[in-house]
Amino acid sequence: MKEWSIEFDIPHPLQLGETLDNLVVDLLGALRRFSAVAAHDVLLLSVRMSVEATSADVAISKTRGVLLTALHRVGFPGSPEIARIQVETVEQLARSLAEPNIPELAGVAEVSKMLRVSKQRVSELLKGNRFPRPITVLEASPVWRSTTILRFAQEWERKPGRPAKVAARYAEKPGR
C-alpha cells in the first residue's frame, strides 16, 4: 500500500464571500480523515486529499466518491463536476513542493555579470535582433529568464573592441 495525494478541481457557481468560505470550512470538516486541504478562486474549488491505496486508480476511485458525497452533504449547489484530477504519491508531492516554482530571473545588472559586459553593453545588445527579448519590462529593468541568457551566451560570437563601422567613423573625423 502507498499513500497517495489526489487533487480535484471542481468548477463552482458561487461568488467569493462568506457562503463559499463557509462551504469550504464545512467540506474540510467532512473530509477530516483524509487530511484534506482546499483553496478556491472565482471559478474553481480545489481539494487535495490523502489516502492509502494499492494503486493510483484505486486512490482516485476511493476519494472521488467520498468527495462527491461530502460536497452534496455540505450543500454544494447543483451537481458537482470534476474538471481535473491529479494524483501522485506523497513522496512525489514532497519532491515537487521542494522545487522552486518561479524561474530564476535576471535584470540588466545580472545579465551584465552573466555575460561579463557592462550594463550599457547589455542595453546595446538588447537593441539588436539576435539578443533574446525580455519576458517583461519593469520600470527598473527588462527581465529575462536566466536560462535564456545562458543559452544566448553559449551561442554568442563575441567580438572584442568596437564594431568596424564605428571604428571607421571615428578614424574619418579630423582630430581623432
N, C-alpha and C. Protein backbone atom coordinates (compact mmCIF):
# COMPACT_ATOMS: atom_id res chain seq x y z
N MET A 1 0.84 -1.19 0.00
CA MET A 1 0.00 0.00 0.00
C MET A 1 0.88 1.24 0.00
N LYS A 2 0.47 2.22 -0.78
CA LYS A 2 1.15 3.51 -0.83
C LYS A 2 0.19 4.58 -0.37
N GLU A 3 0.77 5.70 0.07
CA GLU A 3 -0.06 6.85 0.39
C GLU A 3 -0.08 7.76 -0.83
N TRP A 4 -1.28 8.14 -1.24
CA TRP A 4 -1.48 8.94 -2.45
C TRP A 4 -2.05 10.29 -2.09
N SER A 5 -1.70 11.28 -2.88
CA SER A 5 -2.27 12.62 -2.76
C SER A 5 -3.04 12.90 -4.04
N ILE A 6 -4.33 13.21 -3.89
CA ILE A 6 -5.18 13.41 -5.04
C ILE A 6 -5.77 14.81 -4.97
N GLU A 7 -5.65 15.56 -6.06
CA GLU A 7 -6.21 16.91 -6.11
C GLU A 7 -7.33 16.94 -7.15
N PHE A 8 -8.46 17.50 -6.74
CA PHE A 8 -9.63 17.64 -7.60
C PHE A 8 -9.92 19.12 -7.81
N ASP A 9 -10.21 19.51 -9.05
CA ASP A 9 -10.69 20.85 -9.36
C ASP A 9 -12.14 20.74 -9.76
N ILE A 10 -13.00 21.51 -9.08
CA ILE A 10 -14.43 21.48 -9.32
C ILE A 10 -14.90 22.90 -9.62
N PRO A 11 -15.42 23.16 -10.83
CA PRO A 11 -15.99 24.49 -11.10
C PRO A 11 -17.17 24.74 -10.16
N HIS A 12 -17.33 25.99 -9.74
CA HIS A 12 -18.45 26.32 -8.86
C HIS A 12 -19.13 27.60 -9.33
N PRO A 13 -20.43 27.71 -9.04
CA PRO A 13 -21.18 28.90 -9.46
C PRO A 13 -21.26 29.98 -8.38
N LEU A 14 -20.60 29.77 -7.26
CA LEU A 14 -20.74 30.69 -6.13
C LEU A 14 -19.85 31.92 -6.28
N GLN A 15 -20.30 33.03 -5.73
CA GLN A 15 -19.48 34.23 -5.69
C GLN A 15 -18.54 34.10 -4.50
N LEU A 16 -17.38 34.75 -4.61
CA LEU A 16 -16.47 34.76 -3.48
C LEU A 16 -17.15 35.45 -2.31
N GLY A 17 -16.93 34.91 -1.13
CA GLY A 17 -17.53 35.53 0.04
C GLY A 17 -17.81 34.50 1.11
N GLU A 18 -18.65 34.92 2.04
CA GLU A 18 -18.92 34.12 3.23
C GLU A 18 -19.55 32.78 2.91
N THR A 19 -20.46 32.71 1.95
CA THR A 19 -21.13 31.45 1.61
C THR A 19 -20.13 30.41 1.14
N LEU A 20 -19.25 30.81 0.23
CA LEU A 20 -18.23 29.89 -0.28
C LEU A 20 -17.24 29.52 0.81
N ASP A 21 -16.82 30.50 1.60
CA ASP A 21 -15.89 30.23 2.70
C ASP A 21 -16.49 29.23 3.70
N ASN A 22 -17.75 29.41 4.06
CA ASN A 22 -18.41 28.50 4.99
C ASN A 22 -18.54 27.10 4.40
N LEU A 23 -18.85 27.02 3.10
CA LEU A 23 -18.95 25.73 2.43
C LEU A 23 -17.61 24.99 2.50
N VAL A 24 -16.52 25.71 2.27
CA VAL A 24 -15.18 25.10 2.30
C VAL A 24 -14.85 24.62 3.71
N VAL A 25 -15.17 25.41 4.72
CA VAL A 25 -14.91 25.01 6.11
C VAL A 25 -15.69 23.74 6.43
N ASP A 26 -16.97 23.69 6.05
CA ASP A 26 -17.79 22.50 6.30
C ASP A 26 -17.25 21.30 5.53
N LEU A 27 -16.82 21.53 4.29
CA LEU A 27 -16.27 20.45 3.47
C LEU A 27 -15.01 19.87 4.10
N LEU A 28 -14.13 20.73 4.57
CA LEU A 28 -12.90 20.25 5.21
C LEU A 28 -13.22 19.45 6.48
N GLY A 29 -14.25 19.86 7.20
CA GLY A 29 -14.68 19.09 8.37
C GLY A 29 -15.16 17.70 7.97
N ALA A 30 -15.91 17.63 6.88
CA ALA A 30 -16.42 16.34 6.40
C ALA A 30 -15.31 15.44 5.86
N LEU A 31 -14.22 16.04 5.40
CA LEU A 31 -13.11 15.27 4.81
C LEU A 31 -11.91 15.16 5.75
N ARG A 32 -12.13 15.44 7.02
CA ARG A 32 -11.06 15.48 8.02
C ARG A 32 -10.20 14.22 8.02
N ARG A 33 -10.78 13.06 7.90
CA ARG A 33 -9.99 11.82 7.98
C ARG A 33 -9.11 11.60 6.75
N PHE A 34 -9.27 12.43 5.71
CA PHE A 34 -8.45 12.34 4.50
C PHE A 34 -7.40 13.45 4.44
N SER A 35 -7.18 14.13 5.58
CA SER A 35 -6.21 15.24 5.66
C SER A 35 -6.41 16.22 4.52
N ALA A 36 -7.66 16.59 4.28
CA ALA A 36 -7.99 17.44 3.14
C ALA A 36 -7.57 18.89 3.37
N VAL A 37 -7.19 19.51 2.28
CA VAL A 37 -6.96 20.95 2.23
C VAL A 37 -7.71 21.47 1.01
N ALA A 38 -8.06 22.74 1.03
CA ALA A 38 -8.83 23.29 -0.08
C ALA A 38 -8.43 24.73 -0.34
N ALA A 39 -8.64 25.13 -1.57
CA ALA A 39 -8.44 26.52 -1.99
C ALA A 39 -9.49 26.82 -3.04
N HIS A 40 -9.82 28.11 -3.18
CA HIS A 40 -10.82 28.46 -4.19
C HIS A 40 -10.51 29.83 -4.77
N ASP A 41 -11.02 30.03 -5.98
CA ASP A 41 -10.99 31.34 -6.60
C ASP A 41 -12.38 31.57 -7.18
N VAL A 42 -12.51 32.52 -8.08
CA VAL A 42 -13.84 32.84 -8.60
C VAL A 42 -14.43 31.74 -9.47
N LEU A 43 -13.60 30.82 -9.96
CA LEU A 43 -14.10 29.78 -10.87
C LEU A 43 -14.03 28.36 -10.32
N LEU A 44 -12.98 28.07 -9.55
CA LEU A 44 -12.72 26.69 -9.15
C LEU A 44 -12.59 26.51 -7.65
N LEU A 45 -13.02 25.37 -7.21
CA LEU A 45 -12.75 24.88 -5.86
C LEU A 45 -11.75 23.74 -6.04
N SER A 46 -10.59 23.83 -5.40
CA SER A 46 -9.58 22.77 -5.47
C SER A 46 -9.50 22.10 -4.12
N VAL A 47 -9.56 20.78 -4.14
CA VAL A 47 -9.50 19.99 -2.91
C VAL A 47 -8.42 18.94 -3.08
N ARG A 48 -7.50 18.86 -2.12
CA ARG A 48 -6.45 17.85 -2.12
C ARG A 48 -6.69 16.94 -0.92
N MET A 49 -6.64 15.63 -1.17
CA MET A 49 -6.89 14.64 -0.13
C MET A 49 -5.79 13.58 -0.17
N SER A 50 -5.57 12.92 0.96
CA SER A 50 -4.61 11.82 1.05
C SER A 50 -5.35 10.54 1.38
N VAL A 51 -4.86 9.43 0.79
CA VAL A 51 -5.48 8.14 1.05
C VAL A 51 -4.45 7.04 0.80
N GLU A 52 -4.57 5.97 1.55
CA GLU A 52 -3.73 4.80 1.28
C GLU A 52 -4.48 3.89 0.32
N ALA A 53 -3.75 3.42 -0.70
CA ALA A 53 -4.38 2.55 -1.70
C ALA A 53 -3.29 1.76 -2.42
N THR A 54 -3.70 0.71 -3.09
CA THR A 54 -2.75 -0.15 -3.81
C THR A 54 -2.30 0.46 -5.13
N SER A 55 -3.11 1.37 -5.71
CA SER A 55 -2.75 1.98 -6.99
C SER A 55 -3.38 3.37 -7.10
N ALA A 56 -2.93 4.12 -8.09
CA ALA A 56 -3.48 5.45 -8.33
C ALA A 56 -4.97 5.36 -8.67
N ASP A 57 -5.35 4.37 -9.48
CA ASP A 57 -6.76 4.21 -9.85
C ASP A 57 -7.64 3.97 -8.64
N VAL A 58 -7.18 3.11 -7.74
CA VAL A 58 -7.95 2.82 -6.53
C VAL A 58 -8.03 4.07 -5.65
N ALA A 59 -6.94 4.82 -5.55
CA ALA A 59 -6.93 6.05 -4.76
C ALA A 59 -7.93 7.07 -5.31
N ILE A 60 -7.95 7.23 -6.63
CA ILE A 60 -8.90 8.17 -7.25
C ILE A 60 -10.33 7.72 -6.99
N SER A 61 -10.59 6.44 -7.19
CA SER A 61 -11.94 5.91 -7.02
C SER A 61 -12.43 6.13 -5.58
N LYS A 62 -11.57 5.82 -4.62
CA LYS A 62 -11.93 5.99 -3.20
C LYS A 62 -12.27 7.44 -2.88
N THR A 63 -11.37 8.34 -3.24
CA THR A 63 -11.53 9.73 -2.83
C THR A 63 -12.60 10.45 -3.65
N ARG A 64 -12.78 10.10 -4.90
CA ARG A 64 -13.79 10.74 -5.74
C ARG A 64 -15.18 10.57 -5.14
N GLY A 65 -15.50 9.34 -4.79
CA GLY A 65 -16.81 9.06 -4.19
C GLY A 65 -17.02 9.79 -2.88
N VAL A 66 -15.99 9.78 -2.03
CA VAL A 66 -16.08 10.47 -0.74
C VAL A 66 -16.26 11.97 -0.94
N LEU A 67 -15.50 12.54 -1.90
CA LEU A 67 -15.58 13.98 -2.16
C LEU A 67 -16.97 14.37 -2.66
N LEU A 68 -17.49 13.64 -3.63
CA LEU A 68 -18.80 13.98 -4.18
C LEU A 68 -19.90 13.87 -3.13
N THR A 69 -19.82 12.86 -2.27
CA THR A 69 -20.79 12.70 -1.18
C THR A 69 -20.68 13.87 -0.20
N ALA A 70 -19.45 14.24 0.15
CA ALA A 70 -19.24 15.35 1.09
C ALA A 70 -19.74 16.67 0.49
N LEU A 71 -19.49 16.90 -0.80
CA LEU A 71 -19.98 18.13 -1.44
C LEU A 71 -21.50 18.21 -1.37
N HIS A 72 -22.16 17.10 -1.63
CA HIS A 72 -23.62 17.07 -1.56
C HIS A 72 -24.09 17.35 -0.12
N ARG A 73 -23.42 16.72 0.85
CA ARG A 73 -23.79 16.85 2.24
C ARG A 73 -23.66 18.29 2.76
N VAL A 74 -22.64 19.04 2.29
CA VAL A 74 -22.43 20.41 2.79
C VAL A 74 -23.22 21.45 1.99
N GLY A 75 -23.99 21.01 1.00
CA GLY A 75 -24.86 21.93 0.27
C GLY A 75 -24.24 22.58 -0.95
N PHE A 76 -23.29 21.90 -1.57
CA PHE A 76 -22.72 22.42 -2.82
C PHE A 76 -23.84 22.51 -3.84
N PRO A 77 -24.00 23.66 -4.49
CA PRO A 77 -25.14 23.82 -5.40
C PRO A 77 -25.01 22.97 -6.68
N GLY A 78 -26.11 22.48 -7.13
CA GLY A 78 -26.15 21.72 -8.38
C GLY A 78 -25.48 20.37 -8.25
N SER A 79 -25.07 19.84 -9.38
CA SER A 79 -24.39 18.55 -9.42
C SER A 79 -22.92 18.80 -9.72
N PRO A 80 -22.05 18.64 -8.73
CA PRO A 80 -20.64 18.96 -8.94
C PRO A 80 -20.00 18.11 -10.04
N GLU A 81 -19.24 18.78 -10.90
CA GLU A 81 -18.50 18.08 -11.94
C GLU A 81 -17.01 18.28 -11.69
N ILE A 82 -16.27 17.23 -11.79
CA ILE A 82 -14.82 17.32 -11.58
C ILE A 82 -14.17 17.67 -12.91
N ALA A 83 -13.45 18.79 -12.93
CA ALA A 83 -12.83 19.27 -14.16
C ALA A 83 -11.41 18.72 -14.33
N ARG A 84 -10.74 18.42 -13.21
CA ARG A 84 -9.36 17.94 -13.29
C ARG A 84 -9.06 17.10 -12.07
N ILE A 85 -8.29 16.05 -12.29
CA ILE A 85 -7.80 15.20 -11.19
C ILE A 85 -6.30 15.03 -11.38
N GLN A 86 -5.56 15.25 -10.30
CA GLN A 86 -4.11 15.00 -10.32
C GLN A 86 -3.81 14.05 -9.18
N VAL A 87 -3.11 12.98 -9.49
CA VAL A 87 -2.77 12.00 -8.46
C VAL A 87 -1.27 11.76 -8.47
N GLU A 88 -0.71 11.67 -7.29
CA GLU A 88 0.72 11.38 -7.14
C GLU A 88 0.95 10.80 -5.75
N THR A 89 2.05 10.09 -5.61
CA THR A 89 2.38 9.58 -4.28
C THR A 89 2.77 10.78 -3.41
N VAL A 90 2.68 10.61 -2.10
CA VAL A 90 3.06 11.71 -1.22
C VAL A 90 4.55 12.02 -1.35
N GLU A 91 5.35 11.00 -1.71
CA GLU A 91 6.78 11.24 -1.94
C GLU A 91 6.98 12.14 -3.16
N GLN A 92 6.24 11.87 -4.24
CA GLN A 92 6.33 12.72 -5.44
C GLN A 92 5.87 14.14 -5.12
N LEU A 93 4.81 14.27 -4.35
CA LEU A 93 4.32 15.59 -3.97
C LEU A 93 5.37 16.34 -3.15
N ALA A 94 6.00 15.66 -2.20
CA ALA A 94 7.02 16.31 -1.38
C ALA A 94 8.19 16.79 -2.24
N ARG A 95 8.61 15.98 -3.21
CA ARG A 95 9.70 16.40 -4.11
C ARG A 95 9.30 17.62 -4.93
N SER A 96 8.09 17.62 -5.48
CA SER A 96 7.67 18.75 -6.31
C SER A 96 7.48 20.02 -5.47
N LEU A 97 7.05 19.87 -4.23
CA LEU A 97 6.91 21.05 -3.36
C LEU A 97 8.27 21.61 -2.94
N ALA A 98 9.29 20.78 -2.94
CA ALA A 98 10.63 21.23 -2.57
C ALA A 98 11.32 22.01 -3.69
N GLU A 99 10.84 21.83 -4.92
CA GLU A 99 11.44 22.53 -6.07
C GLU A 99 10.87 23.94 -6.18
N PRO A 100 11.71 24.91 -6.54
CA PRO A 100 11.18 26.26 -6.73
C PRO A 100 10.23 26.28 -7.94
N ASN A 101 9.15 27.03 -7.81
CA ASN A 101 8.20 27.09 -8.93
C ASN A 101 8.26 28.43 -9.66
N ILE A 102 9.24 29.24 -9.32
CA ILE A 102 9.47 30.50 -10.02
C ILE A 102 10.81 30.38 -10.73
N PRO A 103 10.86 30.66 -12.02
CA PRO A 103 12.14 30.55 -12.71
C PRO A 103 13.13 31.59 -12.20
N GLU A 104 14.42 31.28 -12.31
CA GLU A 104 15.44 32.24 -11.91
C GLU A 104 15.43 33.37 -12.93
N LEU A 105 15.31 34.59 -12.43
CA LEU A 105 15.18 35.76 -13.29
C LEU A 105 16.44 36.62 -13.25
N ALA A 106 16.61 37.42 -14.29
CA ALA A 106 17.78 38.30 -14.38
C ALA A 106 17.38 39.64 -14.99
N GLY A 107 17.82 40.73 -14.35
CA GLY A 107 17.67 42.07 -14.90
C GLY A 107 18.97 42.46 -15.59
N VAL A 108 19.08 43.71 -15.97
CA VAL A 108 20.25 44.18 -16.69
C VAL A 108 21.53 43.94 -15.89
N ALA A 109 21.50 44.23 -14.59
CA ALA A 109 22.70 44.04 -13.75
C ALA A 109 23.15 42.58 -13.74
N GLU A 110 22.20 41.67 -13.59
CA GLU A 110 22.54 40.25 -13.57
C GLU A 110 23.03 39.77 -14.93
N VAL A 111 22.39 40.25 -16.00
CA VAL A 111 22.79 39.87 -17.35
C VAL A 111 24.20 40.36 -17.63
N SER A 112 24.51 41.58 -17.18
CA SER A 112 25.87 42.10 -17.41
C SER A 112 26.92 41.23 -16.72
N LYS A 113 26.60 40.73 -15.54
CA LYS A 113 27.54 39.84 -14.84
C LYS A 113 27.64 38.49 -15.56
N MET A 114 26.50 37.98 -16.01
CA MET A 114 26.49 36.68 -16.69
C MET A 114 27.30 36.72 -17.98
N LEU A 115 27.19 37.83 -18.71
CA LEU A 115 27.88 37.95 -20.00
C LEU A 115 29.25 38.61 -19.87
N ARG A 116 29.57 39.09 -18.67
CA ARG A 116 30.83 39.80 -18.40
C ARG A 116 31.00 41.01 -19.32
N VAL A 117 29.92 41.81 -19.36
CA VAL A 117 29.93 43.06 -20.12
C VAL A 117 29.33 44.15 -19.22
N SER A 118 29.43 45.40 -19.66
CA SER A 118 28.84 46.50 -18.89
C SER A 118 27.32 46.50 -19.06
N LYS A 119 26.65 47.21 -18.16
CA LYS A 119 25.20 47.35 -18.28
C LYS A 119 24.85 48.09 -19.57
N GLN A 120 25.69 49.05 -19.93
CA GLN A 120 25.46 49.79 -21.18
C GLN A 120 25.51 48.84 -22.38
N ARG A 121 26.46 47.89 -22.34
CA ARG A 121 26.58 46.92 -23.44
C ARG A 121 25.33 46.04 -23.51
N VAL A 122 24.77 45.69 -22.37
CA VAL A 122 23.53 44.90 -22.36
C VAL A 122 22.43 45.70 -23.05
N SER A 123 22.35 46.99 -22.74
CA SER A 123 21.33 47.84 -23.39
C SER A 123 21.54 47.89 -24.89
N GLU A 124 22.79 47.94 -25.33
CA GLU A 124 23.09 47.93 -26.77
C GLU A 124 22.72 46.58 -27.39
N LEU A 125 23.05 45.50 -26.70
CA LEU A 125 22.70 44.17 -27.22
C LEU A 125 21.19 44.02 -27.36
N LEU A 126 20.46 44.59 -26.43
CA LEU A 126 19.01 44.50 -26.43
C LEU A 126 18.41 45.15 -27.68
N LYS A 127 19.09 46.15 -28.22
CA LYS A 127 18.60 46.83 -29.43
C LYS A 127 18.78 45.98 -30.68
N GLY A 128 19.64 44.98 -30.62
CA GLY A 128 19.89 44.13 -31.78
C GLY A 128 18.83 43.06 -31.96
N ASN A 129 18.86 42.41 -33.10
CA ASN A 129 17.86 41.38 -33.43
C ASN A 129 18.17 40.02 -32.82
N ARG A 130 19.42 39.78 -32.47
CA ARG A 130 19.82 38.43 -32.02
C ARG A 130 19.69 38.23 -30.52
N PHE A 131 19.60 39.32 -29.77
CA PHE A 131 19.53 39.21 -28.31
C PHE A 131 18.12 38.80 -27.91
N PRO A 132 17.99 37.91 -26.92
CA PRO A 132 16.65 37.45 -26.51
C PRO A 132 15.78 38.61 -26.00
N ARG A 133 14.53 38.54 -26.33
CA ARG A 133 13.56 39.53 -25.84
C ARG A 133 13.28 39.23 -24.37
N PRO A 134 13.12 40.26 -23.55
CA PRO A 134 12.80 40.03 -22.13
C PRO A 134 11.39 39.46 -21.98
N ILE A 135 11.15 38.78 -20.86
CA ILE A 135 9.80 38.26 -20.62
C ILE A 135 8.87 39.39 -20.18
N THR A 136 9.45 40.44 -19.59
CA THR A 136 8.68 41.63 -19.24
C THR A 136 9.64 42.78 -19.05
N VAL A 137 9.10 43.98 -19.02
CA VAL A 137 9.91 45.16 -18.78
C VAL A 137 9.32 45.90 -17.59
N LEU A 138 10.09 45.97 -16.52
CA LEU A 138 9.69 46.70 -15.33
C LEU A 138 10.24 48.12 -15.43
N GLU A 139 9.83 49.00 -14.52
CA GLU A 139 10.36 50.37 -14.56
C GLU A 139 11.88 50.38 -14.40
N ALA A 140 12.39 49.50 -13.59
CA ALA A 140 13.83 49.49 -13.31
C ALA A 140 14.64 48.79 -14.39
N SER A 141 14.07 47.80 -15.04
CA SER A 141 14.88 47.00 -15.96
C SER A 141 14.03 46.01 -16.72
N PRO A 142 14.47 45.63 -17.93
CA PRO A 142 13.86 44.45 -18.56
C PRO A 142 14.23 43.22 -17.73
N VAL A 143 13.45 42.17 -17.85
CA VAL A 143 13.69 40.95 -17.08
C VAL A 143 13.68 39.75 -18.02
N TRP A 144 14.69 38.89 -17.88
CA TRP A 144 14.81 37.66 -18.67
C TRP A 144 14.86 36.47 -17.74
N ARG A 145 14.56 35.29 -18.29
CA ARG A 145 14.86 34.05 -17.58
C ARG A 145 16.36 33.84 -17.69
N SER A 146 16.99 33.49 -16.60
CA SER A 146 18.44 33.28 -16.60
C SER A 146 18.85 32.21 -17.60
N THR A 147 18.05 31.18 -17.74
CA THR A 147 18.39 30.11 -18.69
C THR A 147 18.43 30.62 -20.12
N THR A 148 17.58 31.59 -20.45
CA THR A 148 17.57 32.17 -21.79
C THR A 148 18.88 32.91 -22.05
N ILE A 149 19.35 33.65 -21.06
CA ILE A 149 20.61 34.40 -21.21
C ILE A 149 21.79 33.44 -21.29
N LEU A 150 21.78 32.39 -20.49
CA LEU A 150 22.87 31.41 -20.54
C LEU A 150 22.93 30.72 -21.90
N ARG A 151 21.76 30.41 -22.46
CA ARG A 151 21.72 29.80 -23.80
C ARG A 151 22.26 30.78 -24.85
N PHE A 152 21.89 32.06 -24.73
CA PHE A 152 22.41 33.08 -25.64
C PHE A 152 23.93 33.17 -25.52
N ALA A 153 24.44 33.15 -24.30
CA ALA A 153 25.89 33.27 -24.06
C ALA A 153 26.65 32.13 -24.73
N GLN A 154 26.08 30.94 -24.75
CA GLN A 154 26.75 29.79 -25.38
C GLN A 154 26.86 29.97 -26.90
N GLU A 155 25.89 30.62 -27.50
CA GLU A 155 25.86 30.77 -28.96
C GLU A 155 26.45 32.10 -29.44
N TRP A 156 26.69 33.02 -28.51
CA TRP A 156 27.09 34.38 -28.85
C TRP A 156 28.54 34.41 -29.33
N GLU A 157 28.75 34.96 -30.53
CA GLU A 157 30.10 35.15 -31.04
C GLU A 157 30.58 36.52 -30.59
N ARG A 158 31.39 36.52 -29.55
CA ARG A 158 31.90 37.79 -29.02
C ARG A 158 33.01 38.31 -29.90
N LYS A 159 32.94 39.58 -30.16
CA LYS A 159 33.99 40.24 -30.95
C LYS A 159 34.49 41.40 -30.10
N PRO A 160 35.73 41.31 -29.62
CA PRO A 160 36.23 42.38 -28.75
C PRO A 160 36.42 43.68 -29.52
N GLY A 161 36.37 44.79 -28.81
CA GLY A 161 36.59 46.11 -29.41
C GLY A 161 35.34 46.67 -30.04
N ARG A 162 35.49 47.83 -30.64
CA ARG A 162 34.35 48.48 -31.29
C ARG A 162 34.06 47.81 -32.62
N PRO A 163 32.80 47.83 -33.04
CA PRO A 163 32.47 47.29 -34.37
C PRO A 163 33.20 48.08 -35.44
N ALA A 164 33.51 47.46 -36.56
CA ALA A 164 34.29 48.06 -37.64
C ALA A 164 33.68 49.37 -38.13
N LYS A 165 32.37 49.47 -38.28
CA LYS A 165 31.72 50.69 -38.76
C LYS A 165 31.98 51.85 -37.81
N VAL A 166 31.86 51.60 -36.52
CA VAL A 166 32.08 52.66 -35.53
C VAL A 166 33.53 53.08 -35.54
N ALA A 167 34.45 52.14 -35.58
CA ALA A 167 35.88 52.46 -35.59
C ALA A 167 36.23 53.26 -36.84
N ALA A 168 35.67 52.91 -38.01
CA ALA A 168 35.94 53.63 -39.25
C ALA A 168 35.40 55.05 -39.16
N ARG A 169 34.23 55.24 -38.57
CA ARG A 169 33.64 56.56 -38.44
C ARG A 169 34.52 57.46 -37.58
N TYR A 170 35.08 56.92 -36.50
CA TYR A 170 35.96 57.69 -35.64
C TYR A 170 37.25 58.04 -36.37
N ALA A 171 37.77 57.14 -37.20
CA ALA A 171 39.00 57.36 -37.91
C ALA A 171 38.85 58.47 -38.95
N GLU A 172 37.65 58.63 -39.53
CA GLU A 172 37.42 59.63 -40.58
C GLU A 172 37.36 61.05 -40.01
N LYS A 173 37.00 61.22 -38.76
CA LYS A 173 36.85 62.55 -38.18
C LYS A 173 38.22 63.14 -37.88
N PRO A 174 38.45 64.40 -38.29
CA PRO A 174 39.74 65.04 -38.01
C PRO A 174 39.91 65.26 -36.51
N GLY A 175 41.13 65.21 -36.09
CA GLY A 175 41.44 65.43 -34.68
C GLY A 175 41.29 64.20 -33.82
N ARG A 176 41.12 63.11 -34.43
CA ARG A 176 40.99 61.85 -33.67
C ARG A 176 42.18 60.98 -33.89
